[in-house]
Amino acid sequence: MLGWPYFDGIASVMIGLILAGTAIWLVIETKSLLIGESAAPDVVQGIRQIAQSCREIRHVNEILTMHMGPDYVLVNVSVEFDNDVSAADIEIAVAQLDTRIKQAYPMAKRIFIEGEARHVGGPPQPAGETLPQA
């Protein structure tokens, strides 16, 4: 219509640039979901504070998080429970902790609370066993 045949070539190059820009934007936005990025440090710290406020928990060992989707975070909390707490009380504490974390952080969809002893300076040993003395 305009008599300039280069318009088709320029339009094709511009469409290609728009598609390439869109692809780069999508890679940047979804990279964290593809590699399993952990939750933001303030979320992890908030979960730690919630767990530490539980009276049945002696120590929070470790908190692991992983984004499974934009609004779906998997949480694994390793804690040491007080030795004098009964199994029934631990069960109640775990249920309450699960509820409190989900209320504070709705993106935390799956929460696993793992009870294990805190080990400082070496591998864990089964109860009643000690390392041989040198």
Protein backbone atom coordinates (compact mmCIF):
# COMPACT_ATOMS: atom_id res chain seq x y z
CA MET A 1 0.00 0.00 0.00
CA LEU A 2 2.82 2.45 0.81
CA GLY A 3 5.11 1.09 -1.84
CA TRP A 4 7.94 0.39 0.60
CA PRO A 5 8.69 -3.36 0.79
CA TYR A 6 10.90 -3.03 3.88
CA PHE A 7 7.87 -2.62 6.18
CA ASP A 8 7.28 -6.39 6.22
CA GLY A 9 10.89 -7.04 7.28
CA ILE A 10 10.86 -4.33 9.96
CA ALA A 11 7.50 -5.56 11.31
CA SER A 12 8.82 -9.14 11.49
CA VAL A 13 11.96 -8.04 13.36
CA MET A 14 9.87 -5.97 15.82
CA ILE A 15 7.54 -8.91 16.48
CA GLY A 16 10.60 -11.11 17.07
CA LEU A 17 12.03 -8.58 19.55
CA ILE A 18 8.72 -8.40 21.41
CA LEU A 19 8.58 -12.21 21.63
CA ALA A 20 12.21 -12.40 22.78
CA GLY A 21 11.57 -9.72 25.42
CA THR A 22 8.52 -11.60 26.66
CA ALA A 23 10.51 -14.84 26.87
CA ILE A 24 13.29 -13.15 28.86
CA TRP A 25 10.74 -11.61 31.23
CA LEU A 26 9.10 -15.02 31.77
CA VAL A 27 12.48 -16.64 32.48
CA ILE A 28 13.31 -13.99 35.08
CA GLU A 29 9.89 -14.24 36.75
CA THR A 30 9.71 -18.05 36.89
CA LYS A 31 13.36 -18.91 37.56
CA SER A 32 12.83 -19.03 41.31
CA LEU A 33 9.94 -21.45 40.89
CA LEU A 34 11.94 -23.71 38.62
CA ILE A 35 14.95 -24.01 40.94
CA GLY A 36 12.96 -24.27 44.17
CA GLU A 37 13.90 -20.98 45.78
CA SER A 38 13.43 -20.71 49.53
CA ALA A 39 10.98 -18.30 51.14
CA ALA A 40 12.04 -14.75 51.92
CA PRO A 41 14.29 -14.36 54.98
CA ASP A 42 11.63 -12.37 56.86
CA VAL A 43 9.15 -15.24 56.38
CA VAL A 44 11.69 -17.78 57.68
CA GLN A 45 12.48 -15.54 60.65
CA GLY A 46 8.76 -15.11 61.38
CA ILE A 47 8.23 -18.88 61.33
CA ARG A 48 11.22 -19.27 63.67
CA GLN A 49 9.71 -16.76 66.11
CA ILE A 50 6.36 -18.54 66.04
CA ALA A 51 8.06 -21.87 66.76
CA GLN A 52 10.22 -20.40 69.53
CA SER A 53 7.15 -19.01 71.25
CA CYS A 54 5.77 -22.54 71.71
CA ARG A 55 6.40 -23.55 75.33
CA GLU A 56 6.85 -27.25 74.47
CA ILE A 57 9.80 -26.48 72.18
CA ARG A 58 13.24 -26.20 73.76
CA HIS A 59 15.12 -25.19 70.60
CA VAL A 60 14.42 -24.55 66.90
CA ASN A 61 17.15 -26.42 65.05
CA GLU A 62 16.50 -25.58 61.42
CA ILE A 63 13.84 -24.20 59.11
CA LEU A 64 13.81 -25.23 55.46
CA THR A 65 11.42 -23.69 52.95
CA MET A 66 10.85 -24.12 49.24
CA HIS A 67 8.51 -22.39 46.81
CA MET A 68 6.40 -24.96 45.00
CA GLY A 69 4.36 -22.30 43.20
CA PRO A 70 3.78 -18.54 43.34
CA ASP A 71 1.58 -18.83 46.44
CA TYR A 72 2.63 -22.28 47.69
CA VAL A 73 5.50 -22.71 50.14
CA LEU A 74 6.62 -26.00 51.64
CA VAL A 75 7.95 -25.61 55.21
CA ASN A 76 10.03 -28.09 57.23
CA VAL A 77 10.71 -27.11 60.84
CA SER A 78 13.20 -29.13 62.90
CA VAL A 79 12.71 -28.62 66.63
CA GLU A 80 13.84 -30.13 69.90
CA PHE A 81 10.96 -30.68 72.28
CA ASP A 82 11.37 -30.51 76.05
CA ASN A 83 12.10 -33.94 77.48
CA ASP A 84 9.32 -33.76 80.06
CA VAL A 85 6.55 -33.09 77.50
CA SER A 86 4.19 -35.99 76.85
CA ALA A 87 3.46 -37.33 73.37
CA ALA A 88 -0.12 -36.05 73.63
CA ASP A 89 1.14 -32.55 74.45
CA ILE A 90 3.58 -32.70 71.53
CA GLU A 91 0.74 -33.69 69.20
CA ILE A 92 -1.33 -30.72 70.37
CA ALA A 93 1.67 -28.38 70.09
CA VAL A 94 2.38 -29.52 66.53
CA ALA A 95 -1.25 -28.95 65.49
CA GLN A 96 -1.27 -25.50 67.08
CA LEU A 97 2.07 -24.59 65.52
CA ASP A 98 0.80 -25.70 62.10
CA THR A 99 -2.30 -23.52 62.49
CA ARG A 100 -0.38 -20.47 63.73
CA ILE A 101 2.14 -20.63 60.87
CA LYS A 102 -0.63 -20.99 58.27
CA GLN A 103 -2.54 -18.05 59.78
CA ALA A 104 0.55 -15.82 59.77
CA TYR A 105 1.78 -16.98 56.34
CA PRO A 106 -1.10 -18.20 54.14
CA MET A 107 1.35 -19.19 51.40
CA ALA A 108 2.67 -21.95 53.71
CA LYS A 109 0.44 -24.74 52.46
CA ARG A 110 2.38 -27.83 53.66
CA ILE A 111 4.18 -27.75 57.00
CA PHE A 112 6.25 -30.59 58.38
CA ILE A 113 7.42 -30.37 61.99
CA GLU A 114 10.26 -32.73 62.78
CA GLY A 115 11.27 -33.48 66.34
CA GLU A 116 14.95 -34.19 66.76
CA ALA A 117 17.58 -33.58 69.40
CA ARG A 118 19.94 -30.66 69.06
CA HIS A 119 23.46 -31.87 68.34
CA VAL A 120 26.39 -29.56 68.85
CA GLY A 121 29.79 -30.42 67.40
CA GLY A 122 29.25 -33.85 65.91
CA PRO A 123 26.97 -36.45 64.43
CA PRO A 124 23.91 -37.52 66.42
CA GLN A 125 24.27 -40.59 68.59
CA PRO A 126 21.51 -43.06 69.46
CA ALA A 127 20.16 -42.69 72.98
CA GLY A 128 22.32 -44.35 75.62
CA GLU A 129 25.41 -44.67 73.40
CA THR A 130 28.54 -42.56 73.65
CA LEU A 131 31.58 -42.17 71.49
CA PRO A 132 34.62 -44.21 72.54
CA GLN A 133 37.21 -42.20 74.43
CA ALA A 134 40.67 -41.87 72.90
